[in-house]
Amino acid sequence: MDSIHDDTCPSFEGTLEMVGRRWTGSVLQAAAQGARRFGEYRAMIDGISDRLLSQRLKELEAAGLIERTVIPTTPVQIRYQLAPDGQALVNALLPLAQWSMHRSGPRGAGRVLSST
């Protein structure tokens, strides 16, 4: 059996913690649909506050998962889109999203994983 190395675990745990924060999945899902302005994200993500949306976008930008582009118009427009690492993360999360949807379906509710 392979052991878990101390240098990989913090990186993996940090990623899980970031992705597991409230609304992060919704922001990533919206970003996966293309470049958007702040108000478009807010309209797409039912129930998110401006403060939390702003916070998540800043966190994802700092992590290199979202790119922020300033368009010099009057008024200035700011668009957010997935960075290449963000797209790779979304691609990596797709099987988990499919698994969770299958699990939460009528047949999947309450099922326990088995080795068979």
C-alpha atoms as a PDB file:
ATOM      1  CA  MET A   1       0.000   0.000   0.000  1.00  0.00           C
ATOM      2  CA  ASP A   2       1.275   3.478  -0.876  1.00  0.00           C
ATOM      3  CA  SER A   3       1.750   5.879   1.987  1.00  0.00           C
ATOM      4  CA  ILE A   4       0.571   9.475   2.046  1.00  0.00           C
ATOM      5  CA  HIS A   5       3.512  11.862   2.012  1.00  0.00           C
ATOM      6  CA  ASP A   6       3.539  14.811   4.385  1.00  0.00           C
ATOM      7  CA  ASP A   7       4.321  17.238   1.540  1.00  0.00           C
ATOM      8  CA  THR A   8       1.252  16.216  -0.525  1.00  0.00           C
ATOM      9  CA  CYS A   9      -1.296  16.097   2.250  1.00  0.00           C
ATOM     10  CA  PRO A  10      -1.360  19.851   3.099  1.00  0.00           C
ATOM     11  CA  SER A  11      -1.766  20.766  -0.573  1.00  0.00           C
ATOM     12  CA  PHE A  12      -4.592  18.276  -1.058  1.00  0.00           C
ATOM     13  CA  GLU A  13      -6.284  19.263   2.196  1.00  0.00           C
ATOM     14  CA  GLY A  14      -5.977  22.945   1.297  1.00  0.00           C
ATOM     15  CA  THR A  15      -7.632  22.316  -2.050  1.00  0.00           C
ATOM     16  CA  LEU A  16     -10.454  20.356  -0.432  1.00  0.00           C
ATOM     17  CA  GLU A  17     -10.953  23.107   2.141  1.00  0.00           C
ATOM     18  CA  MET A  18     -11.125  25.804  -0.530  1.00  0.00           C
ATOM     19  CA  VAL A  19     -13.494  23.840  -2.782  1.00  0.00           C
ATOM     20  CA  GLY A  20     -15.631  22.882   0.199  1.00  0.00           C
ATOM     21  CA  ARG A  21     -16.323  26.462   1.255  1.00  0.00           C
ATOM     22  CA  ARG A  22     -19.894  27.592   0.876  1.00  0.00           C
ATOM     23  CA  TRP A  23     -20.695  28.842  -2.644  1.00  0.00           C
ATOM     24  CA  THR A  24     -17.282  27.968  -4.139  1.00  0.00           C
ATOM     25  CA  GLY A  25     -18.734  25.127  -6.188  1.00  0.00           C
ATOM     26  CA  SER A  26     -21.489  27.373  -7.522  1.00  0.00           C
ATOM     27  CA  VAL A  27     -19.004  30.092  -8.475  1.00  0.00           C
ATOM     28  CA  LEU A  28     -16.796  27.552 -10.263  1.00  0.00           C
ATOM     29  CA  GLN A  29     -19.821  26.097 -12.033  1.00  0.00           C
ATOM     30  CA  ALA A  30     -20.913  29.557 -13.210  1.00  0.00           C
ATOM     31  CA  ALA A  31     -17.371  30.404 -14.327  1.00  0.00           C
ATOM     32  CA  ALA A  32     -17.220  27.153 -16.301  1.00  0.00           C
ATOM     33  CA  GLN A  33     -20.037  28.517 -18.456  1.00  0.00           C
ATOM     34  CA  GLY A  34     -17.892  31.417 -19.671  1.00  0.00           C
ATOM     35  CA  ALA A  35     -16.590  34.864 -18.745  1.00  0.00           C
ATOM     36  CA  ARG A  36     -19.057  36.798 -16.631  1.00  0.00           C
ATOM     37  CA  ARG A  37     -19.499  40.120 -14.909  1.00  0.00           C
ATOM     38  CA  PHE A  38     -20.165  40.288 -11.175  1.00  0.00           C
ATOM     39  CA  GLY A  39     -23.890  40.915 -11.624  1.00  0.00           C
ATOM     40  CA  GLU A  40     -24.206  37.925 -13.948  1.00  0.00           C
ATOM     41  CA  TYR A  41     -22.666  35.655 -11.312  1.00  0.00           C
ATOM     42  CA  ARG A  42     -25.043  37.077  -8.714  1.00  0.00           C
ATOM     43  CA  ALA A  43     -28.029  36.430 -10.998  1.00  0.00           C
ATOM     44  CA  MET A  44     -26.886  32.863 -11.746  1.00  0.00           C
ATOM     45  CA  ILE A  45     -26.202  31.873  -8.134  1.00  0.00           C
ATOM     46  CA  ASP A  46     -29.480  32.049  -6.280  1.00  0.00           C
ATOM     47  CA  GLY A  47     -29.087  33.146  -2.659  1.00  0.00           C
ATOM     48  CA  ILE A  48     -25.453  34.317  -2.636  1.00  0.00           C
ATOM     49  CA  SER A  49     -24.790  37.706  -1.073  1.00  0.00           C
ATOM     50  CA  ASP A  50     -22.655  40.347  -2.772  1.00  0.00           C
ATOM     51  CA  ARG A  51     -20.139  40.111   0.068  1.00  0.00           C
ATOM     52  CA  LEU A  52     -19.727  36.338  -0.228  1.00  0.00           C
ATOM     53  CA  LEU A  53     -19.568  36.408  -4.020  1.00  0.00           C
ATOM     54  CA  SER A  54     -16.878  39.082  -3.884  1.00  0.00           C
ATOM     55  CA  GLN A  55     -14.964  37.112  -1.265  1.00  0.00           C
ATOM     56  CA  ARG A  56     -15.111  33.842  -3.244  1.00  0.00           C
ATOM     57  CA  LEU A  57     -14.046  35.534  -6.480  1.00  0.00           C
ATOM     58  CA  LYS A  58     -11.065  37.133  -4.690  1.00  0.00           C
ATOM     59  CA  GLU A  59     -10.080  33.809  -3.081  1.00  0.00           C
ATOM     60  CA  LEU A  60     -10.317  31.942  -6.367  1.00  0.00           C
ATOM     61  CA  GLU A  61      -8.352  34.680  -8.140  1.00  0.00           C
ATOM     62  CA  ALA A  62      -5.635  34.590  -5.452  1.00  0.00           C
ATOM     63  CA  ALA A  63      -5.452  30.806  -5.864  1.00  0.00           C
ATOM     64  CA  GLY A  64      -4.953  31.221  -9.623  1.00  0.00           C
ATOM     65  CA  LEU A  65      -8.250  29.543 -10.508  1.00  0.00           C
ATOM     66  CA  ILE A  66     -10.139  32.617 -11.740  1.00  0.00           C
ATOM     67  CA  GLU A  67      -8.789  35.392 -13.934  1.00  0.00           C
ATOM     68  CA  ARG A  68     -10.048  38.940 -13.524  1.00  0.00           C
ATOM     69  CA  THR A  69     -10.018  41.115 -16.638  1.00  0.00           C
ATOM     70  CA  VAL A  70     -10.571  44.884 -16.554  1.00  0.00           C
ATOM     71  CA  ILE A  71     -12.099  46.238 -19.748  1.00  0.00           C
ATOM     72  CA  PRO A  72     -11.328  49.962 -20.076  1.00  0.00           C
ATOM     73  CA  THR A  73     -14.758  51.256 -21.073  1.00  0.00           C
ATOM     74  CA  THR A  74     -16.966  53.887 -19.505  1.00  0.00           C
ATOM     75  CA  PRO A  75     -17.967  52.660 -17.028  1.00  0.00           C
ATOM     76  CA  VAL A  76     -15.171  50.158 -16.490  1.00  0.00           C
ATOM     77  CA  GLN A  77     -16.231  46.537 -16.936  1.00  0.00           C
ATOM     78  CA  ILE A  78     -14.698  43.679 -14.990  1.00  0.00           C
ATOM     79  CA  ARG A  79     -15.069  40.084 -16.155  1.00  0.00           C
ATOM     80  CA  TYR A  80     -14.160  36.901 -14.349  1.00  0.00           C
ATOM     81  CA  GLN A  81     -13.370  33.643 -16.094  1.00  0.00           C
ATOM     82  CA  LEU A  82     -11.741  30.334 -15.309  1.00  0.00           C
ATOM     83  CA  ALA A  83      -7.964  30.275 -15.525  1.00  0.00           C
ATOM     84  CA  PRO A  84      -6.392  27.116 -16.993  1.00  0.00           C
ATOM     85  CA  ASP A  85      -5.882  25.700 -13.472  1.00  0.00           C
ATOM     86  CA  GLY A  86      -9.521  26.499 -12.678  1.00  0.00           C
ATOM     87  CA  GLN A  87     -10.663  24.622 -15.770  1.00  0.00           C
ATOM     88  CA  ALA A  88      -8.485  21.670 -14.743  1.00  0.00           C
ATOM     89  CA  LEU A  89     -10.063  21.740 -11.273  1.00  0.00           C
ATOM     90  CA  VAL A  90     -13.584  21.853 -12.720  1.00  0.00           C
ATOM     91  CA  ASN A  91     -12.699  18.887 -14.945  1.00  0.00           C
ATOM     92  CA  ALA A  92     -11.352  17.015 -11.915  1.00  0.00           C
ATOM     93  CA  LEU A  93     -14.530  17.769  -9.939  1.00  0.00           C
ATOM     94  CA  LEU A  94     -16.933  16.563 -12.648  1.00  0.00           C
ATOM     95  CA  PRO A  95     -16.773  12.884 -11.594  1.00  0.00           C
ATOM     96  CA  LEU A  96     -17.441  13.927  -7.983  1.00  0.00           C
ATOM     97  CA  ALA A  97     -20.429  16.024  -9.091  1.00  0.00           C
ATOM     98  CA  GLN A  98     -21.778  13.115 -11.129  1.00  0.00           C
ATOM     99  CA  TRP A  99     -21.261  10.758  -8.201  1.00  0.00           C
ATOM    100  CA  SER A 100     -23.080  13.093  -5.813  1.00  0.00           C
ATOM    101  CA  MET A 101     -26.004  13.529  -8.209  1.00  0.00           C
ATOM    102  CA  HIS A 102     -26.272   9.766  -8.647  1.00  0.00           C
ATOM    103  CA  ARG A 103     -26.058   9.251  -4.903  1.00  0.00           C
ATOM    104  CA  SER A 104     -28.731  11.845  -4.126  1.00  0.00           C
ATOM    105  CA  GLY A 105     -31.151  10.410  -6.692  1.00  0.00           C
ATOM    106  CA  PRO A 106     -34.077   8.205  -5.651  1.00  0.00           C
ATOM    107  CA  ARG A 107     -32.040   5.006  -5.889  1.00  0.00           C
ATOM    108  CA  GLY A 108     -28.857   6.539  -4.492  1.00  0.00           C
ATOM    109  CA  ALA A 109     -30.235   8.158  -1.358  1.00  0.00           C
ATOM    110  CA  GLY A 110     -28.683   6.637   1.737  1.00  0.00           C
ATOM    111  CA  ARG A 111     -26.552   4.127  -0.145  1.00  0.00           C
ATOM    112  CA  VAL A 112     -23.246   3.090   1.300  1.00  0.00           C
ATOM    113  CA  LEU A 113     -20.198   2.449  -0.878  1.00  0.00           C
ATOM    114  CA  SER A 114     -19.232  -1.177  -1.201  1.00  0.00           C
ATOM    115  CA  SER A 115     -16.345  -2.979  -2.811  1.00  0.00           C
ATOM    116  CA  THR A 116     -18.611  -5.045  -5.087  1.00  0.00           C
END
